Structure formats: structure tokens, C-alpha cells
């Protein structure tokens, strides 16, 4: 026994007992409610069977299982709506307006609503008013001008009531931007040689805020890295800003010279030590990366001033995007 225990085979001695087929029971569990007794000895006697008796488990009712929705149907994407061309949209609008006009005409014939007054214009006043226009044309013209002014005022009033307030416009824009991000997160990476012009820094941050973009701006003496992420529409507009709308070769003096001279780094100032504007003729913006990412890496849009490469990599390490700094350094 110690040898078998040492060899590790003592647990397999009684394995054969597990494969022994047990003897069949005297009566199966599904027949216990149909046969009197504990075995099948009296199965030939109809009196011992519980098939037509009052306490039988056999009835005329059918039990239908509860229908369960297939789990794979939950993953079926919703059908995409049908997009109509401009001609098809115009056709549907004409048909809808025609149906509304016919319904209104039917109500007028039945006397449910009063008929609208004739719409008098300067071109049809003779045909609509007839003799009245011939008798006193001055009064008729004044009446027509008054009705035209009233219709215009009513039209402008309706437009003002339909117009959204400032808060409602902001809420609508925020909802659209959230829906844009929900469709997929897109990222852009830019390299800018110099951000000495304060207006450039303001436009970069302000437009990111307006487009509801998240990201990071690394300001470095030798190069500047700008990372932004957000919805497809916002990213597309921000790309136009960075590559087309901003003139990176332009340089202007700061508005508040005292604030800039306090804590601003020398390489971030628009003017050199002599007070002259720096020459940004060779300054440019390059697109390093553009594409869709799995999830957002930033929670807000921030700017960081980094004097060394180690500080820049440390700022990017939180989002695990250090490779963009190496990409920017290798780009000429």
C-alpha cells in the first residue's frame, strides 16, 4: 500500500466500480403515477392501471411551453432608415400639402370651418375687387398695402416664435455632439514647429472647446504636439482649422505685454529679447495621424508646458500615447 500511495495510483484502484451498470429499478419514475404498486407485476390487469380513473395524471389538456425570444435576435442591428433624394423629398412635400389642401377644402364645403378671405395682392386687386377698385383706387391700394404689411408682420412673428433661444441652441448643439461621439471616436495628431503667437494658442484651445473635443497640447522649445479626439464631424472641422484656416506664418504682438513678461517662457513669447517680432516664415503644421480609436484617452482639453523630452513623454504616458512624441521627432 505505501508503494502504491507513493506512486500515486492508490486512488485508481476502485475506478472499475464506477463503470458497473446498476440494476434497473422495479418501476420507472415516469410510471409511478400510472401503476398501482411498486413494480410491473400487475400491469396486465386493467383495474390496477390509473389511466381512466379520477386520480389519473392523464388529462385532455395540452401544456404549451412559454415562448422565449431567441437571444441572438438581441444582437441584430436596427434597420437603417431610407434616405431620400432632394427630388423625392420635394415630391413627398407636394403630395402632403396637396392632401392638406383637399382636406381643408372639404371642411369648407361641409361648413365646418369658414372660408379664408381672398389674398389680395397688387397684381390681382383688379380681378378680386372689381368695381370697388375702379371707384376708389387710392383707398383700395392703401388697403392692399396694409394687408401685405400685416401678412409680413405675422410671418416674422411666427418665425420669431419658432426660433430657438440661446440656451436651446447650446443644448441642441451639445446633443448633436454627443450623438456624433457615440457613433465613433476619431483622433488627430498635429505637429507645429512654434506656438509663439498667442492667437494661435487661443484658436487651438477655443475651437477644441467649441467642438467639444478632448485632448492635450504639449508645448516644447523644439516642437509642439497637439492631440485631439472627438466625433467625426467635429474632428473634420478641426482638421480644416489646423491645416487651412490658421496662417501659421503670421505673428502679432501680444495684447497684454505685462502678463506675457511675467511667467511666460522665452520660446513662447511673440517677441525676442530686443522687442522685435519673431520670424515665423518657416512655421508650419503637419498632420501626423488621423483615424478612429477604440475609446477616448482624455477627459478634457488641456495644455502642458514641457521643457524636456522626458516631461513630454511623462505627460503622454498617462494616455499611453508616448509613440506620438517619437513620431513627431522623426518628422521633418
Protein backbone atom coordinates (compact mmCIF):
# COMPACT_ATOMS: atom_id res chain seq x y z
CA UNK A 1 0.00 0.00 0.00
CA UNK A 2 2.74 2.53 0.77
CA UNK A 3 4.26 1.80 -2.62
CA UNK A 4 1.01 2.46 -4.41
CA UNK A 5 0.40 5.63 -2.42
CA UNK A 6 3.91 6.80 -3.22
CA UNK A 7 3.42 6.04 -6.87
CA UNK A 8 0.13 7.94 -6.84
CA UNK A 9 -2.03 5.08 -8.14
CA UNK A 10 -3.85 4.10 -4.94
CA UNK A 11 -6.76 6.40 -5.90
CA UNK A 12 -7.30 4.47 -9.14
CA UNK A 13 -7.78 1.04 -7.51
CA UNK A 14 -11.60 1.36 -7.19
CA UNK A 15 -12.10 3.01 -10.57
CA UNK A 16 -13.63 -0.14 -12.05
CA UNK A 17 -16.52 0.06 -9.57
CA UNK A 18 -17.60 3.36 -11.16
CA UNK A 19 -18.25 1.66 -14.51
CA UNK A 20 -20.51 -1.11 -13.14
CA UNK A 21 -24.06 -0.77 -14.55
CA UNK A 22 -26.68 -0.63 -11.84
CA UNK A 23 -29.68 -2.97 -11.90
CA UNK A 24 -32.88 -1.46 -13.36
CA UNK A 25 -35.46 -0.25 -10.80
CA UNK A 26 -38.64 -2.18 -10.08
CA UNK A 27 -40.65 0.67 -11.64
CA UNK A 28 -39.56 3.72 -13.56
CA UNK A 29 -40.29 7.15 -12.12
CA UNK A 30 -42.45 8.17 -15.05
CA UNK A 31 -44.75 5.16 -14.50
CA UNK A 32 -45.24 5.57 -10.75
CA UNK A 33 -48.36 7.71 -11.27
CA UNK A 34 -49.91 5.30 -13.76
CA UNK A 35 -49.49 1.92 -11.99
CA UNK A 36 -50.69 0.78 -8.57
CA UNK A 37 -47.86 -0.79 -6.60
CA UNK A 38 -44.10 -0.67 -6.66
CA UNK A 39 -43.49 -2.92 -9.68
CA UNK A 40 -44.87 -4.07 -13.02
CA UNK A 41 -46.27 -7.43 -11.83
CA UNK A 42 -49.95 -6.42 -12.26
CA UNK A 43 -49.51 -4.36 -15.43
CA UNK A 44 -51.71 -6.73 -17.45
CA UNK A 45 -54.65 -6.13 -15.11
CA UNK A 46 -56.59 -3.09 -16.33
CA UNK A 47 -58.00 -2.48 -12.87
CA UNK A 48 -54.56 -1.70 -11.45
CA UNK A 49 -53.80 0.99 -14.06
CA UNK A 50 -54.53 4.69 -13.40
CA UNK A 51 -55.41 5.74 -16.90
CA UNK A 52 -59.18 6.26 -16.85
CA UNK A 53 -59.56 6.75 -13.09
CA UNK A 54 -60.39 10.03 -11.37
CA UNK A 55 -56.95 10.44 -9.84
CA UNK A 56 -55.09 9.84 -13.11
CA UNK A 57 -52.42 12.29 -14.24
CA UNK A 58 -53.53 11.98 -17.87
CA UNK A 59 -55.93 14.77 -18.94
CA UNK A 60 -57.31 16.19 -22.17
CA UNK A 61 -55.33 19.41 -21.73
CA UNK A 62 -52.13 20.19 -23.60
CA UNK A 63 -49.34 22.12 -21.92
CA UNK A 64 -47.63 24.51 -24.27
CA UNK A 65 -44.19 25.77 -23.27
CA UNK A 66 -43.71 29.52 -22.80
CA UNK A 67 -42.26 31.09 -25.94
CA UNK A 68 -38.83 32.65 -25.30
CA UNK A 69 -37.30 35.20 -27.60
CA UNK A 70 -34.13 33.91 -29.26
CA UNK A 71 -31.10 35.53 -27.59
CA UNK A 72 -29.34 36.10 -30.92
CA UNK A 73 -32.14 38.44 -32.03
CA UNK A 74 -30.94 41.00 -29.46
CA UNK A 75 -27.72 41.48 -31.41
CA UNK A 76 -29.40 42.13 -34.77
CA UNK A 77 -28.67 45.75 -35.79
CA UNK A 78 -31.61 48.06 -36.30
CA UNK A 79 -32.59 48.62 -39.94
CA UNK A 80 -31.18 51.77 -41.42
CA UNK A 81 -33.70 54.43 -42.50
CA UNK A 82 -34.21 55.03 -46.19
CA UNK A 83 -32.54 58.22 -47.37
CA UNK A 84 -34.49 60.19 -49.96
CA UNK A 85 -33.04 62.40 -52.65
CA UNK A 86 -33.93 66.09 -52.85
CA UNK A 87 -36.38 65.41 -55.69
CA UNK A 88 -38.11 62.66 -53.71
CA UNK A 89 -38.35 64.89 -50.63
CA UNK A 90 -39.88 67.68 -52.75
CA UNK A 91 -42.35 65.20 -54.23
CA UNK A 92 -43.47 64.00 -50.79
CA UNK A 93 -43.84 67.60 -49.64
CA UNK A 94 -46.05 68.43 -52.63
CA UNK A 95 -48.21 65.38 -52.01
CA UNK A 96 -48.57 66.18 -48.31
CA UNK A 97 -49.50 69.81 -49.00
CA UNK A 98 -51.99 68.72 -51.66
CA UNK A 99 -53.65 66.29 -49.23
CA UNK A 100 -53.90 69.00 -46.55
CA UNK A 101 -55.41 71.43 -49.09
CA UNK A 102 -58.04 68.91 -50.21
CA UNK A 103 -58.96 68.19 -46.59
CA UNK A 104 -59.34 71.90 -45.86
CA UNK A 105 -61.49 72.39 -48.97
CA UNK A 106 -63.73 69.50 -47.93
CA UNK A 107 -64.23 71.04 -44.48
CA UNK A 108 -65.13 74.39 -46.08
CA UNK A 109 -67.75 72.72 -48.34
CA UNK A 110 -69.30 70.99 -45.33
CA UNK A 111 -69.40 74.25 -43.39
CA UNK A 112 -67.11 73.03 -40.61
CA UNK A 113 -64.69 75.94 -40.99
CA UNK A 114 -65.19 79.37 -42.59
CA UNK A 115 -63.65 80.10 -45.97
CA UNK A 116 -60.46 82.17 -45.76
CA UNK A 117 -60.63 85.74 -47.10
CA UNK A 118 -59.18 86.31 -50.56
CA UNK A 119 -55.44 87.02 -50.61
CA UNK A 120 -55.24 90.39 -52.31
CA UNK A 121 -52.02 91.47 -53.99
CA UNK A 122 -51.15 94.39 -56.20
CA UNK A 123 -51.20 92.10 -59.19
CA UNK A 124 -54.73 90.73 -58.63
CA UNK A 125 -56.57 93.59 -56.92
CA UNK A 126 -58.50 94.49 -60.08
CA UNK A 127 -59.63 90.91 -60.56
CA UNK A 128 -60.59 90.35 -56.92
CA UNK A 129 -62.18 93.68 -56.03
CA UNK A 130 -63.55 94.61 -59.45
CA UNK A 131 -65.83 97.66 -59.34
CA UNK A 132 -64.58 98.70 -55.90
CA UNK A 133 -61.07 99.11 -57.26
CA UNK A 134 -62.38 101.24 -60.12
CA UNK A 135 -64.42 103.53 -57.87
CA UNK A 136 -61.71 104.37 -55.34
CA UNK A 137 -58.30 103.06 -56.45
CA UNK A 138 -56.38 105.04 -53.81
CA UNK A 139 -58.30 103.50 -50.90
CA UNK A 140 -58.01 100.04 -52.46
CA UNK A 141 -54.24 100.40 -52.89
CA UNK A 142 -53.88 101.54 -49.28
CA UNK A 143 -55.93 98.54 -48.16
CA UNK A 144 -53.77 96.17 -50.20
CA UNK A 145 -50.56 97.67 -48.78
CA UNK A 146 -51.97 97.34 -45.27
CA UNK A 147 -52.83 93.66 -45.77
CA UNK A 148 -49.40 92.96 -47.27
CA UNK A 149 -47.74 94.57 -44.24
CA UNK A 150 -49.95 92.57 -41.86
CA UNK A 151 -49.08 89.29 -43.60
CA UNK A 152 -45.37 90.12 -43.45
CA UNK A 153 -45.58 91.05 -39.75
CA UNK A 154 -47.43 87.81 -38.99
CA UNK A 155 -44.83 85.83 -40.90
CA UNK A 156 -41.95 87.44 -39.00
CA UNK A 157 -43.75 86.92 -35.67
CA UNK A 158 -44.21 83.22 -36.44
CA UNK A 159 -40.52 82.90 -37.28
CA UNK A 160 -39.54 84.57 -34.00
CA UNK A 161 -41.77 82.20 -32.01
CA UNK A 162 -40.26 79.20 -33.77
CA UNK A 163 -36.68 80.41 -33.29
CA UNK A 164 -34.70 78.67 -30.55
CA UNK A 165 -33.32 80.62 -27.63
CA UNK A 166 -29.61 80.84 -26.90
CA UNK A 167 -29.78 78.12 -24.24
CA UNK A 168 -31.83 75.87 -26.51
CA UNK A 169 -29.28 76.28 -29.32
CA UNK A 170 -26.47 75.32 -26.95
CA UNK A 171 -28.42 72.27 -25.73
CA UNK A 172 -29.17 71.19 -29.29
CA UNK A 173 -25.51 71.57 -30.26
CA UNK A 174 -24.40 69.57 -27.20
CA UNK A 175 -26.86 66.77 -28.03
CA UNK A 176 -25.65 66.59 -31.62
CA UNK A 177 -22.02 66.49 -30.50
CA UNK A 178 -22.77 63.67 -28.04
CA UNK A 179 -24.52 61.69 -30.77
CA UNK A 180 -21.52 62.30 -33.03
CA UNK A 181 -19.14 60.90 -30.40
CA UNK A 182 -21.43 57.91 -29.79
CA UNK A 183 -21.03 56.85 -33.42
CA UNK A 184 -17.25 56.53 -33.01
CA UNK A 185 -14.23 58.32 -31.53
CA UNK A 186 -11.78 59.83 -34.03
CA UNK A 187 -8.33 61.19 -33.25
CA UNK A 188 -5.98 63.71 -34.86
CA UNK A 189 -2.32 64.36 -34.11
CA UNK A 190 -0.57 67.53 -35.32
CA UNK A 191 2.98 68.79 -35.10
CA UNK A 192 3.51 72.57 -35.03
CA UNK A 193 7.00 73.99 -35.10
CA UNK A 194 6.24 77.03 -32.96
CA UNK A 195 3.33 78.34 -30.88
CA UNK A 196 4.94 81.69 -30.11
CA UNK A 197 1.93 83.55 -31.49
CA UNK A 198 -0.62 83.81 -28.69
CA UNK A 199 -3.50 83.96 -31.15
CA UNK A 200 -2.55 80.51 -32.44
CA UNK A 201 -2.67 79.04 -28.93
CA UNK A 202 -6.03 80.71 -28.31
CA UNK A 203 -7.56 79.38 -31.54
CA UNK A 204 -6.29 75.87 -30.88
CA UNK A 205 -7.86 75.69 -27.41
CA UNK A 206 -11.01 77.74 -28.08
CA UNK A 207 -12.06 75.77 -31.15
CA UNK A 208 -11.44 72.49 -29.33
CA UNK A 209 -13.77 73.72 -26.59
CA UNK A 210 -16.44 74.80 -29.08
CA UNK A 211 -16.31 71.47 -30.95
CA UNK A 212 -16.41 69.54 -27.65
CA UNK A 213 -13.05 67.88 -28.31
CA UNK A 214 -10.79 66.28 -25.72
CA UNK A 215 -7.03 66.20 -25.98
CA UNK A 216 -3.65 67.56 -24.99
CA UNK A 217 -1.24 70.24 -26.24
CA UNK A 218 2.43 69.64 -25.49
CA UNK A 219 4.38 72.92 -25.79
CA UNK A 220 8.11 72.26 -26.17
CA UNK A 221 11.02 74.54 -27.17
CA UNK A 222 11.78 72.48 -30.29
CA UNK A 223 8.33 71.18 -31.35
CA UNK A 224 4.70 71.25 -30.29
CA UNK A 225 2.36 68.26 -30.33
CA UNK A 226 -1.43 68.65 -30.48
CA UNK A 227 -3.68 65.63 -29.88
CA UNK A 228 -7.47 65.92 -30.20
CA UNK A 229 -10.25 63.32 -30.16
CA UNK A 230 -14.00 63.50 -30.61
CA UNK A 231 -16.83 62.90 -33.07
CA UNK A 232 -16.33 62.59 -36.80
CA UNK A 233 -17.97 65.93 -37.70
CA UNK A 234 -16.09 67.90 -35.03
CA UNK A 235 -12.80 66.28 -35.98
CA UNK A 236 -13.35 67.14 -39.64
CA UNK A 237 -13.98 70.82 -38.81
CA UNK A 238 -10.95 70.97 -36.51
CA UNK A 239 -8.76 69.48 -39.23
CA UNK A 240 -9.82 72.29 -41.58
CA UNK A 241 -8.94 74.81 -38.87
CA UNK A 242 -5.45 73.44 -38.32
CA UNK A 243 -4.49 72.84 -41.96
CA UNK A 244 -6.35 75.59 -43.84
CA UNK A 245 -7.83 78.36 -41.72
CA UNK A 246 -4.89 79.25 -39.45
CA UNK A 247 -1.95 81.09 -41.02
CA UNK A 248 0.95 79.64 -39.02
CA UNK A 249 3.47 82.07 -40.55
CA UNK A 250 1.65 85.07 -39.07
CA UNK A 251 2.92 86.69 -35.89
CA UNK A 252 1.35 89.56 -33.95
CA UNK A 253 2.43 91.33 -30.74
CA UNK A 254 0.64 90.30 -27.54
CA UNK A 255 -2.24 92.44 -26.32
CA UNK A 256 -1.13 92.38 -22.68
CA UNK A 257 2.63 92.77 -22.66
CA UNK A 258 2.87 92.85 -18.88
CA UNK A 259 1.10 89.49 -18.41
CA UNK A 260 3.30 87.82 -21.01
CA UNK A 261 6.55 89.06 -19.47
CA UNK A 262 5.73 87.62 -16.04
CA UNK A 263 5.66 83.79 -16.27
CA UNK A 264 5.78 83.00 -19.99
CA UNK A 265 8.77 81.07 -21.31
CA UNK A 266 11.04 82.96 -23.71
CA UNK A 267 10.36 80.48 -26.53
CA UNK A 268 6.60 81.01 -26.10
CA UNK A 269 6.80 84.79 -26.44
CA UNK A 270 5.90 86.50 -29.71
CA UNK A 271 8.81 88.94 -29.35
CA UNK A 272 12.51 88.33 -28.88
CA UNK A 273 14.78 89.96 -26.30
CA UNK A 274 15.10 93.14 -28.39
CA UNK A 275 11.33 93.56 -28.60
CA UNK A 276 11.07 92.63 -32.27
CA UNK A 277 8.54 90.09 -33.54
CA UNK A 278 9.93 86.64 -34.18
CA UNK A 279 10.09 85.47 -37.77
CA UNK A 280 7.61 82.59 -38.28
CA UNK A 281 8.04 82.32 -42.04
CA UNK A 282 9.14 78.68 -41.74
CA UNK A 283 6.48 77.75 -39.17
CA UNK A 284 4.04 75.05 -40.33
CA UNK A 285 1.50 72.49 -39.11
CA UNK A 286 1.79 68.83 -40.11
CA UNK A 287 -0.81 66.09 -39.74
CA UNK A 288 0.85 63.08 -38.09
CA UNK A 289 -2.11 60.78 -37.54
CA UNK A 290 -5.79 60.59 -38.45
CA UNK A 291 -8.08 57.68 -37.68
CA UNK A 292 -10.69 56.07 -35.45
CA UNK A 293 -9.74 54.81 -31.99
CA UNK A 294 -11.38 52.31 -29.68
CA UNK A 295 -12.09 54.66 -26.76
CA UNK A 296 -11.32 58.15 -25.50
CA UNK A 297 -7.94 58.61 -23.85
CA UNK A 298 -8.56 62.13 -22.45
CA UNK A 299 -11.27 63.60 -20.23
CA UNK A 300 -10.73 67.26 -21.16
CA UNK A 301 -8.64 69.53 -23.39
CA UNK A 302 -5.53 70.70 -21.58
CA UNK A 303 -2.16 72.30 -22.32
CA UNK A 304 1.18 71.34 -20.80
CA UNK A 305 4.48 73.20 -20.96
CA UNK A 306 7.37 70.71 -21.11
CA UNK A 307 10.97 71.83 -21.15
CA UNK A 308 12.45 68.38 -21.86
CA UNK A 309 11.54 65.26 -23.81
CA UNK A 310 11.19 63.32 -20.56
CA UNK A 311 8.48 65.68 -19.32
CA UNK A 312 6.64 65.40 -22.65
CA UNK A 313 6.75 61.58 -22.58
CA UNK A 314 5.59 61.57 -18.97
CA UNK A 315 2.60 63.79 -19.85
CA UNK A 316 1.68 61.40 -22.68
CA UNK A 317 2.30 58.24 -20.64
CA UNK A 318 -0.97 58.62 -18.74
CA UNK A 319 -2.86 58.11 -22.00
CA UNK A 320 -0.25 55.60 -23.29
CA UNK A 321 0.48 57.77 -26.33
CA UNK A 322 4.24 58.25 -25.97
CA UNK A 323 4.74 56.94 -29.51
CA UNK A 324 3.31 60.18 -30.95
CA UNK A 325 6.18 62.15 -29.45
CA UNK A 326 8.72 59.89 -31.18
CA UNK A 327 6.71 60.20 -34.41
CA UNK A 328 6.80 63.99 -34.16
CA UNK A 329 10.56 63.99 -33.54
CA UNK A 330 11.20 61.80 -36.58
CA UNK A 331 9.08 64.05 -38.83
CA UNK A 332 10.94 66.88 -40.51
